[in-house]
Amino acid sequence: MMNLIPKIFAADNIVDIGAPATAGNFFGFTCIANLVSNAVSVVFIISAIAFFVILVMGGVQWLTSGGDKVKLQAAQTSITNAVIGLAIVAASYAIYTLVLSFFGIDLSTLCTNNPVGG
């Protein structure tokens, strides 16, 4: 019987060309997992700071409202929006962690310390 597999697909003809010289440089990071992990951390820190600032501003508005119903309502709305924003951020972090856990992705061990193309 004639061998129907062409020579080009034979196991001894496979050549490892490696990664291109520019691959793996994502905004100064050598691994996309490090970039994603750091970006998520920065977003959560910024959102926590924004929550605190908006909450304090709402509290100051409440204290300085002087019994005015319109100013008091604006302060309550500001505080409510801050708490809702915090709940959304907490839910997004839970979903982020759940997705990583569901797919079995561990960002800390995803990248190796090998140089690109090495």
Protein backbone atom coordinates (compact mmCIF):
# COMPACT_ATOMS: atom_id res chain seq x y z
CA MET A 1 0.00 0.00 0.00
CA MET A 2 1.26 3.40 -0.90
CA ASN A 3 2.08 5.91 1.85
CA LEU A 4 -0.58 8.63 1.49
CA ILE A 5 0.91 11.05 4.04
CA PRO A 6 3.01 13.63 2.25
CA LYS A 7 6.58 14.13 3.39
CA ILE A 8 5.87 17.67 4.51
CA PHE A 9 3.69 16.42 7.38
CA ALA A 10 6.20 13.84 8.60
CA ALA A 11 7.32 14.23 12.22
CA ASP A 12 10.97 14.72 11.31
CA ASN A 13 10.15 17.73 9.11
CA ILE A 14 8.61 19.84 11.89
CA VAL A 15 10.65 22.97 12.50
CA ASP A 16 10.29 25.14 15.59
CA ILE A 17 10.52 28.69 14.32
CA GLY A 18 10.17 30.22 17.80
CA ALA A 19 8.45 33.46 18.62
CA PRO A 20 9.07 36.63 16.67
CA ALA A 21 11.49 39.08 18.24
CA THR A 22 8.72 41.56 19.07
CA ALA A 23 6.27 39.04 20.54
CA GLY A 24 5.48 39.18 24.23
CA ASN A 25 6.03 42.87 24.82
CA PHE A 26 2.67 44.16 26.06
CA PHE A 27 3.18 47.72 27.29
CA GLY A 28 6.44 46.73 28.95
CA PHE A 29 5.16 43.39 30.26
CA THR A 30 6.57 40.16 28.92
CA CYS A 31 3.36 38.26 29.57
CA ILE A 32 -0.24 39.22 28.89
CA ALA A 33 -1.29 37.64 32.20
CA ASN A 34 0.84 40.14 34.12
CA LEU A 35 -0.70 43.00 32.18
CA VAL A 36 -4.25 41.78 32.84
CA SER A 37 -3.57 41.15 36.53
CA ASN A 38 -2.01 44.56 37.07
CA ALA A 39 -4.71 46.35 35.07
CA VAL A 40 -7.46 44.69 37.12
CA SER A 41 -5.69 45.64 40.35
CA VAL A 42 -5.34 49.26 39.25
CA VAL A 43 -9.00 49.48 38.22
CA PHE A 44 -10.13 48.10 41.58
CA ILE A 45 -7.90 50.50 43.51
CA ILE A 46 -9.17 53.47 41.48
CA SER A 47 -12.78 52.39 42.00
CA ALA A 48 -12.23 52.03 45.77
CA ILE A 49 -10.77 55.54 45.93
CA ALA A 50 -13.65 56.90 43.84
CA PHE A 51 -16.17 55.19 46.15
CA PHE A 52 -14.55 56.74 49.21
CA VAL A 53 -14.41 60.22 47.67
CA ILE A 54 -18.04 60.14 46.49
CA LEU A 55 -19.19 58.77 49.85
CA VAL A 56 -17.38 61.53 51.75
CA MET A 57 -18.71 64.19 49.38
CA GLY A 58 -22.24 62.88 49.93
CA GLY A 59 -21.71 62.98 53.69
CA VAL A 60 -20.44 66.55 53.52
CA GLN A 61 -23.45 67.50 51.35
CA TRP A 62 -25.73 65.90 53.93
CA LEU A 63 -24.09 67.80 56.80
CA THR A 64 -24.18 71.13 54.97
CA SER A 65 -27.73 70.73 53.64
CA GLY A 66 -29.12 72.73 56.56
CA GLY A 67 -32.47 70.96 56.38
CA ASP A 68 -33.07 71.86 52.73
CA LYS A 69 -34.97 68.95 51.20
CA VAL A 70 -33.43 69.35 47.73
CA LYS A 71 -29.84 69.34 49.06
CA LEU A 72 -30.65 66.45 51.40
CA GLN A 73 -32.11 64.44 48.51
CA ALA A 74 -28.99 65.17 46.39
CA ALA A 75 -26.76 63.99 49.23
CA GLN A 76 -28.78 60.79 49.68
CA THR A 77 -28.65 60.14 45.94
CA SER A 78 -24.88 60.63 45.94
CA ILE A 79 -24.39 58.20 48.82
CA THR A 80 -26.77 55.67 47.24
CA ASN A 81 -24.93 55.88 43.92
CA ALA A 82 -21.60 55.34 45.69
CA VAL A 83 -22.89 52.22 47.44
CA ILE A 84 -24.41 50.88 44.20
CA GLY A 85 -21.08 51.51 42.43
CA LEU A 86 -19.24 49.62 45.16
CA ALA A 87 -21.67 46.72 44.80
CA ILE A 88 -21.09 46.65 41.03
CA VAL A 89 -17.32 46.63 41.51
CA ALA A 90 -17.58 43.85 44.10
CA ALA A 91 -19.80 41.82 41.76
CA SER A 92 -17.40 42.33 38.86
CA TYR A 93 -14.49 41.15 41.01
CA ALA A 94 -16.50 38.08 42.02
CA ILE A 95 -17.29 37.33 38.37
CA TYR A 96 -13.63 37.87 37.39
CA THR A 97 -12.49 35.45 40.11
CA LEU A 98 -15.23 32.96 39.21
CA VAL A 99 -14.30 32.97 35.51
CA LEU A 100 -10.61 32.43 36.31
CA SER A 101 -11.53 29.62 38.71
CA PHE A 102 -14.03 28.04 36.29
CA PHE A 103 -11.51 27.87 33.46
CA GLY A 104 -8.67 26.89 35.82
CA ILE A 105 -6.55 29.92 35.02
CA ASP A 106 -3.91 30.92 37.56
CA LEU A 107 -2.43 34.21 36.42
CA SER A 108 0.51 33.92 38.83
CA THR A 109 1.78 30.71 37.22
CA LEU A 110 0.62 31.33 33.66
CA CYS A 111 3.85 32.98 32.58
CA THR A 112 7.26 31.45 32.79
CA ASN A 113 10.48 33.27 33.43
CA ASN A 114 11.92 32.11 30.13
CA PRO A 115 12.87 34.86 27.69
CA VAL A 116 10.67 35.28 24.65
CA GLY A 117 11.52 32.80 21.94
CA GLY A 118 13.76 30.86 24.32
